């Protein structure tokens, strides 16, 4: 009997009961529970994790629209912005004050420089202060975008800034002060990049670009200030106390 049944099934092309069970489609629902799409189970199993995450993101659009509709006057600052804005304004205004100090310091050094190296150094100082001016404009614009007010009040600017205004009486001392200031800024801007992280990618990328400029500044100053002695292989200063600048009389 079993043999006859098997022959009958083979002749008539019958499938097993398991093979006749259809694979039910997987229904995709949005955040409100409504069905937005129907994906066959076989296709669902073939979809990768990233594709499923993408579907989930798209299904949340209505919820996102409802949430960001609140406080429309805040512009780009949506309820999803997770960083404390008071801290963000403090960090950005400190960077703004530091850039202003850098502009003033480079201009001061530009006008103090007098020597055989004057043209070369003044060109460097001018290039650097123009970069710093671009930085402070970028930072001020970002503060405004985030709903804050750029603090350009000269009163207390040195207290807000993490960069100092220092000078010297030789070209070597001027360059040393500039290099020191750039190295301080490089460290702090690196920390600021970490602070913004994934929570504010726009501000993070802005400071990454500014950080690159500051590293270029430090590299250019170090190339001018130091050289390698071919006899000893040690790094020594190229400028000495004989290269004088005009003394600053405040």
Foldseek 3Di string as FASTA:
>chain_A
DVVVVVVVCVVVVDDDPVVPDAQAWDFDAAPVRHTDDTHGPVVVVVDDPVVVVVSRVVSDVVVQVVQQVPPVVQPPDGPLLPDDLVVVLLLLLQLLLQLVLLLVQLVVVLQFADDPCNVVSNVLSVVVSVLSVVLNVVSQVVCVNRPHHRDPDPVCSQVSYPADRDDDWAPLRSLVSLLVRLVSLLVVLVVVLVVCPPSNVVVNVSSVVSSVSSVVSNVVSCVQQWDADPVPRDIDGPTDRVHTTHDDDD
